[in-house]
């Protein structure tokens, strides 16, 4: 019984750590129309800047640029949520 509880708790903690990656954005702000539009504009502008990627570029590098664009846009428009 004790072994099962320890394994269960460690699995839950591990999943939470992987899911949040240390950052949680304040997604409740997306309910506000102005914030939602600002986020959409920032994302769109970031993807316009990414259109210049060459076809020869590594797919992993392209993915990292896209992921960074999304993170920066969310952080600027939504802000980080305070963890309890």
C-alpha atoms as a PDB file:
ATOM      1  CA  UNK A   1       0.000   0.000   0.000  1.00  0.00           C
ATOM      2  CA  UNK A   2       2.668   2.480   0.961  1.00  0.00           C
ATOM      3  CA  UNK A   3       4.701   1.802  -2.171  1.00  0.00           C
ATOM      4  CA  UNK A   4       1.658   2.360  -4.367  1.00  0.00           C
ATOM      5  CA  UNK A   5       0.873   5.703  -2.734  1.00  0.00           C
ATOM      6  CA  UNK A   6       4.443   6.943  -3.143  1.00  0.00           C
ATOM      7  CA  UNK A   7       4.518   5.936  -6.797  1.00  0.00           C
ATOM      8  CA  UNK A   8       1.152   7.562  -7.420  1.00  0.00           C
ATOM      9  CA  UNK A   9       2.190  10.843  -5.805  1.00  0.00           C
ATOM     10  CA  UNK A  10       5.517  10.975  -7.632  1.00  0.00           C
ATOM     11  CA  UNK A  11       3.764  10.288 -10.948  1.00  0.00           C
ATOM     12  CA  UNK A  12       1.329  13.169 -10.375  1.00  0.00           C
ATOM     13  CA  UNK A  13       4.139  15.548  -9.433  1.00  0.00           C
ATOM     14  CA  UNK A  14       6.152  14.507 -12.498  1.00  0.00           C
ATOM     15  CA  UNK A  15       3.171  15.079 -14.818  1.00  0.00           C
ATOM     16  CA  UNK A  16       2.519  18.516 -13.364  1.00  0.00           C
ATOM     17  CA  UNK A  17       6.162  19.510 -13.781  1.00  0.00           C
ATOM     18  CA  UNK A  18       6.161  18.443 -17.424  1.00  0.00           C
ATOM     19  CA  UNK A  19       2.846  20.078 -18.203  1.00  0.00           C
ATOM     20  CA  UNK A  20       3.574  23.554 -16.871  1.00  0.00           C
ATOM     21  CA  UNK A  21       7.288  23.841 -17.628  1.00  0.00           C
ATOM     22  CA  UNK A  22       7.574  26.360 -14.789  1.00  0.00           C
ATOM     23  CA  UNK A  23       5.401  28.971 -16.500  1.00  0.00           C
ATOM     24  CA  UNK A  24       1.658  29.401 -16.420  1.00  0.00           C
ATOM     25  CA  UNK A  25       0.013  32.172 -18.352  1.00  0.00           C
ATOM     26  CA  UNK A  26      -3.023  34.014 -17.046  1.00  0.00           C
ATOM     27  CA  UNK A  27      -5.485  32.523 -19.543  1.00  0.00           C
ATOM     28  CA  UNK A  28      -8.473  34.079 -17.789  1.00  0.00           C
ATOM     29  CA  UNK A  29      -7.475  37.387 -19.371  1.00  0.00           C
ATOM     30  CA  UNK A  30      -8.454  35.924 -22.761  1.00  0.00           C
ATOM     31  CA  UNK A  31     -12.079  36.421 -21.701  1.00  0.00           C
ATOM     32  CA  UNK A  32     -11.494  40.175 -22.035  1.00  0.00           C
ATOM     33  CA  UNK A  33     -12.067  41.268 -25.623  1.00  0.00           C
ATOM     34  CA  UNK A  34      -9.234  43.816 -25.726  1.00  0.00           C
ATOM     35  CA  UNK A  35      -6.675  41.376 -24.352  1.00  0.00           C
ATOM     36  CA  UNK A  36      -7.816  38.655 -26.735  1.00  0.00           C
ATOM     37  CA  UNK A  37      -7.434  40.967 -29.746  1.00  0.00           C
ATOM     38  CA  UNK A  38      -4.007  42.128 -28.543  1.00  0.00           C
ATOM     39  CA  UNK A  39      -2.863  38.514 -28.211  1.00  0.00           C
ATOM     40  CA  UNK A  40      -4.159  37.670 -31.686  1.00  0.00           C
ATOM     41  CA  UNK A  41      -2.331  40.651 -33.185  1.00  0.00           C
ATOM     42  CA  UNK A  42       0.935  39.759 -31.445  1.00  0.00           C
ATOM     43  CA  UNK A  43       0.708  36.134 -32.614  1.00  0.00           C
ATOM     44  CA  UNK A  44      -0.087  37.226 -36.185  1.00  0.00           C
ATOM     45  CA  UNK A  45       2.809  39.679 -36.251  1.00  0.00           C
ATOM     46  CA  UNK A  46       5.144  36.995 -34.963  1.00  0.00           C
ATOM     47  CA  UNK A  47       4.096  34.557 -37.666  1.00  0.00           C
ATOM     48  CA  UNK A  48       4.545  37.219 -40.352  1.00  0.00           C
ATOM     49  CA  UNK A  49       8.115  37.613 -39.133  1.00  0.00           C
ATOM     50  CA  UNK A  50       8.578  33.833 -39.315  1.00  0.00           C
ATOM     51  CA  UNK A  51       7.503  33.637 -42.963  1.00  0.00           C
ATOM     52  CA  UNK A  52      11.089  34.428 -43.930  1.00  0.00           C
ATOM     53  CA  UNK A  53      12.293  31.025 -42.764  1.00  0.00           C
ATOM     54  CA  UNK A  54      14.110  29.162 -45.480  1.00  0.00           C
ATOM     55  CA  UNK A  55      13.103  25.675 -46.547  1.00  0.00           C
ATOM     56  CA  UNK A  56      16.592  24.449 -45.735  1.00  0.00           C
ATOM     57  CA  UNK A  57      16.279  25.406 -42.082  1.00  0.00           C
ATOM     58  CA  UNK A  58      16.127  22.602 -39.540  1.00  0.00           C
ATOM     59  CA  UNK A  59      12.551  21.716 -38.533  1.00  0.00           C
ATOM     60  CA  UNK A  60      13.512  21.707 -34.845  1.00  0.00           C
ATOM     61  CA  UNK A  61      14.926  25.214 -35.101  1.00  0.00           C
ATOM     62  CA  UNK A  62      11.747  26.397 -36.864  1.00  0.00           C
ATOM     63  CA  UNK A  63       9.607  24.814 -34.136  1.00  0.00           C
ATOM     64  CA  UNK A  64      11.669  26.529 -31.418  1.00  0.00           C
ATOM     65  CA  UNK A  65      11.113  29.894 -33.121  1.00  0.00           C
ATOM     66  CA  UNK A  66       7.356  29.291 -33.331  1.00  0.00           C
ATOM     67  CA  UNK A  67       7.181  28.156 -29.701  1.00  0.00           C
ATOM     68  CA  UNK A  68       9.195  31.192 -28.570  1.00  0.00           C
ATOM     69  CA  UNK A  69       6.873  33.482 -30.549  1.00  0.00           C
ATOM     70  CA  UNK A  70       3.834  32.032 -28.782  1.00  0.00           C
ATOM     71  CA  UNK A  71       5.472  32.285 -25.348  1.00  0.00           C
ATOM     72  CA  UNK A  72       6.593  35.892 -25.836  1.00  0.00           C
ATOM     73  CA  UNK A  73       3.189  36.933 -27.184  1.00  0.00           C
ATOM     74  CA  UNK A  74       1.394  35.292 -24.272  1.00  0.00           C
ATOM     75  CA  UNK A  75       3.741  36.762 -21.693  1.00  0.00           C
ATOM     76  CA  UNK A  76       3.401  40.287 -23.114  1.00  0.00           C
ATOM     77  CA  UNK A  77      -0.367  40.262 -23.511  1.00  0.00           C
ATOM     78  CA  UNK A  78      -1.554  37.847 -20.786  1.00  0.00           C
ATOM     79  CA  UNK A  79       1.178  37.936 -18.186  1.00  0.00           C
ATOM     80  CA  UNK A  80       2.172  35.081 -15.928  1.00  0.00           C
ATOM     81  CA  UNK A  81      -0.251  33.628 -13.427  1.00  0.00           C
ATOM     82  CA  UNK A  82       0.897  33.593  -9.838  1.00  0.00           C
ATOM     83  CA  UNK A  83       1.249  30.087  -8.486  1.00  0.00           C
ATOM     84  CA  UNK A  84      -0.412  29.375  -5.167  1.00  0.00           C
END
